Amino acid sequence: MILEIFALIVLGVLCAAAIWLIVLIGNIPGNIARTAEHPQAEAISILAWVGLLTGGIGWGLALVWAKIKPAAPNAELLQRVAALEEKLKEAEA
């Protein structure tokens, strides 16, 4: 009887450790993205969890995505957009 109770306690501890490990691993890409102030940190976190639940491929993609920062908008492009917005305001008036 005591051996069965001990076995149940060990099984419970192992299950708790497995759940803790899954949560720890699932949070890695999101934490990396938030630390690096990635603009799509929440999307990376969601992809990591969905990917982890569906076999791990999405988790790996999320990890890569967390390490890659999108390129900053080109200054020339921003000027062209501002000029087009001005032309649009003038056309509406």
C-alpha atoms as a PDB file:
ATOM      1  CA  MET A   1       0.000   0.000   0.000  1.00  0.00           C
ATOM      2  CA  ILE A   2       2.752   2.468   0.912  1.00  0.00           C
ATOM      3  CA  LEU A   3       4.646   1.557  -2.250  1.00  0.00           C
ATOM      4  CA  GLU A   4       1.563   2.343  -4.361  1.00  0.00           C
ATOM      5  CA  ILE A   5       1.149   5.738  -2.691  1.00  0.00           C
ATOM      6  CA  PHE A   6       4.839   6.483  -3.250  1.00  0.00           C
ATOM      7  CA  ALA A   7       4.472   5.501  -6.912  1.00  0.00           C
ATOM      8  CA  LEU A   8       1.493   7.857  -7.298  1.00  0.00           C
ATOM      9  CA  ILE A   9       3.457  10.687  -5.697  1.00  0.00           C
ATOM     10  CA  VAL A  10       6.400  10.076  -8.021  1.00  0.00           C
ATOM     11  CA  LEU A  11       4.038   9.948 -11.012  1.00  0.00           C
ATOM     12  CA  GLY A  12       2.445  13.236  -9.943  1.00  0.00           C
ATOM     13  CA  VAL A  13       5.827  14.920  -9.572  1.00  0.00           C
ATOM     14  CA  LEU A  14       6.902  13.664 -13.008  1.00  0.00           C
ATOM     15  CA  CYS A  15       3.692  14.945 -14.615  1.00  0.00           C
ATOM     16  CA  ALA A  16       4.109  18.337 -12.948  1.00  0.00           C
ATOM     17  CA  ALA A  17       7.732  18.520 -14.107  1.00  0.00           C
ATOM     18  CA  ALA A  18       6.708  17.619 -17.664  1.00  0.00           C
ATOM     19  CA  ILE A  19       4.025  20.329 -17.727  1.00  0.00           C
ATOM     20  CA  TRP A  20       6.484  22.875 -16.312  1.00  0.00           C
ATOM     21  CA  LEU A  21       9.049  21.934 -18.971  1.00  0.00           C
ATOM     22  CA  ILE A  22       6.502  22.268 -21.787  1.00  0.00           C
ATOM     23  CA  VAL A  23       5.471  25.720 -20.547  1.00  0.00           C
ATOM     24  CA  LEU A  24       9.108  26.758 -20.228  1.00  0.00           C
ATOM     25  CA  ILE A  25       9.936  25.608 -23.758  1.00  0.00           C
ATOM     26  CA  GLY A  26       6.764  27.130 -25.215  1.00  0.00           C
ATOM     27  CA  ASN A  27       7.637  30.558 -23.828  1.00  0.00           C
ATOM     28  CA  ILE A  28      11.192  30.729 -25.206  1.00  0.00           C
ATOM     29  CA  PRO A  29      10.494  32.351 -28.627  1.00  0.00           C
ATOM     30  CA  GLY A  30       8.023  34.853 -27.167  1.00  0.00           C
ATOM     31  CA  ASN A  31      10.430  35.834 -24.404  1.00  0.00           C
ATOM     32  CA  ILE A  32      13.262  36.298 -26.890  1.00  0.00           C
ATOM     33  CA  ALA A  33      11.044  38.480 -29.076  1.00  0.00           C
ATOM     34  CA  ARG A  34       9.820  40.598 -26.157  1.00  0.00           C
ATOM     35  CA  THR A  35      13.365  41.058 -24.858  1.00  0.00           C
ATOM     36  CA  ALA A  36      14.517  42.212 -28.296  1.00  0.00           C
ATOM     37  CA  GLU A  37      11.425  44.473 -28.562  1.00  0.00           C
ATOM     38  CA  HIS A  38      10.350  42.733 -31.751  1.00  0.00           C
ATOM     39  CA  PRO A  39       7.306  44.447 -33.314  1.00  0.00           C
ATOM     40  CA  GLN A  40       5.517  41.110 -33.811  1.00  0.00           C
ATOM     41  CA  ALA A  41       6.298  39.617 -30.402  1.00  0.00           C
ATOM     42  CA  GLU A  42       2.724  38.520 -29.700  1.00  0.00           C
ATOM     43  CA  ALA A  43       2.404  36.801 -33.079  1.00  0.00           C
ATOM     44  CA  ILE A  44       5.680  35.004 -32.440  1.00  0.00           C
ATOM     45  CA  SER A  45       4.417  33.841 -29.062  1.00  0.00           C
ATOM     46  CA  ILE A  46       1.176  32.522 -30.573  1.00  0.00           C
ATOM     47  CA  LEU A  47       3.049  30.711 -33.351  1.00  0.00           C
ATOM     48  CA  ALA A  48       5.339  29.133 -30.757  1.00  0.00           C
ATOM     49  CA  TRP A  49       2.412  27.740 -28.755  1.00  0.00           C
ATOM     50  CA  VAL A  50       0.469  26.546 -31.789  1.00  0.00           C
ATOM     51  CA  GLY A  51       3.625  25.060 -33.254  1.00  0.00           C
ATOM     52  CA  LEU A  52       4.487  23.310 -30.013  1.00  0.00           C
ATOM     53  CA  LEU A  53       1.013  21.801 -29.820  1.00  0.00           C
ATOM     54  CA  THR A  54       1.118  20.633 -33.445  1.00  0.00           C
ATOM     55  CA  GLY A  55       4.450  18.885 -33.490  1.00  0.00           C
ATOM     56  CA  GLY A  56       7.166  21.474 -33.037  1.00  0.00           C
ATOM     57  CA  ILE A  57       7.755  22.800 -36.564  1.00  0.00           C
ATOM     58  CA  GLY A  58       5.956  26.056 -35.864  1.00  0.00           C
ATOM     59  CA  TRP A  59       7.923  26.430 -32.643  1.00  0.00           C
ATOM     60  CA  GLY A  60      11.182  26.295 -34.606  1.00  0.00           C
ATOM     61  CA  LEU A  61       9.886  28.850 -37.081  1.00  0.00           C
ATOM     62  CA  ALA A  62       8.855  31.108 -34.216  1.00  0.00           C
ATOM     63  CA  LEU A  63      12.333  30.811 -32.749  1.00  0.00           C
ATOM     64  CA  VAL A  64      13.909  31.869 -36.049  1.00  0.00           C
ATOM     65  CA  TRP A  65      11.341  34.660 -36.481  1.00  0.00           C
ATOM     66  CA  ALA A  66      12.113  35.967 -32.985  1.00  0.00           C
ATOM     67  CA  LYS A  67      15.782  36.342 -33.916  1.00  0.00           C
ATOM     68  CA  ILE A  68      15.102  38.172 -37.214  1.00  0.00           C
ATOM     69  CA  LYS A  69      14.105  41.806 -36.888  1.00  0.00           C
ATOM     70  CA  PRO A  70      12.198  43.319 -39.791  1.00  0.00           C
ATOM     71  CA  ALA A  71      14.043  45.958 -41.749  1.00  0.00           C
ATOM     72  CA  ALA A  72      13.361  49.530 -40.730  1.00  0.00           C
ATOM     73  CA  PRO A  73      11.363  51.536 -43.274  1.00  0.00           C
ATOM     74  CA  ASN A  74      13.513  53.312 -45.795  1.00  0.00           C
ATOM     75  CA  ALA A  75      13.704  57.095 -45.252  1.00  0.00           C
ATOM     76  CA  GLU A  76      13.136  57.698 -48.965  1.00  0.00           C
ATOM     77  CA  LEU A  77      10.046  55.504 -48.900  1.00  0.00           C
ATOM     78  CA  LEU A  78       8.657  57.401 -45.917  1.00  0.00           C
ATOM     79  CA  GLN A  79       9.176  60.703 -47.742  1.00  0.00           C
ATOM     80  CA  ARG A  80       7.400  59.373 -50.824  1.00  0.00           C
ATOM     81  CA  VAL A  81       4.464  58.177 -48.719  1.00  0.00           C
ATOM     82  CA  ALA A  82       4.240  61.572 -47.002  1.00  0.00           C
ATOM     83  CA  ALA A  83       4.290  63.325 -50.382  1.00  0.00           C
ATOM     84  CA  LEU A  84       1.532  61.068 -51.698  1.00  0.00           C
ATOM     85  CA  GLU A  85      -0.556  61.718 -48.602  1.00  0.00           C
ATOM     86  CA  GLU A  86      -0.151  65.475 -49.140  1.00  0.00           C
ATOM     87  CA  LYS A  87      -1.242  65.119 -52.766  1.00  0.00           C
ATOM     88  CA  LEU A  88      -4.243  63.087 -51.651  1.00  0.00           C
ATOM     89  CA  LYS A  89      -5.243  65.779 -49.117  1.00  0.00           C
ATOM     90  CA  GLU A  90      -4.907  68.455 -51.809  1.00  0.00           C
ATOM     91  CA  ALA A  91      -7.015  66.418 -54.223  1.00  0.00           C
ATOM     92  CA  GLU A  92      -9.746  65.966 -51.646  1.00  0.00           C
ATOM     93  CA  ALA A  93      -9.893  69.694 -50.847  1.00  0.00           C
END
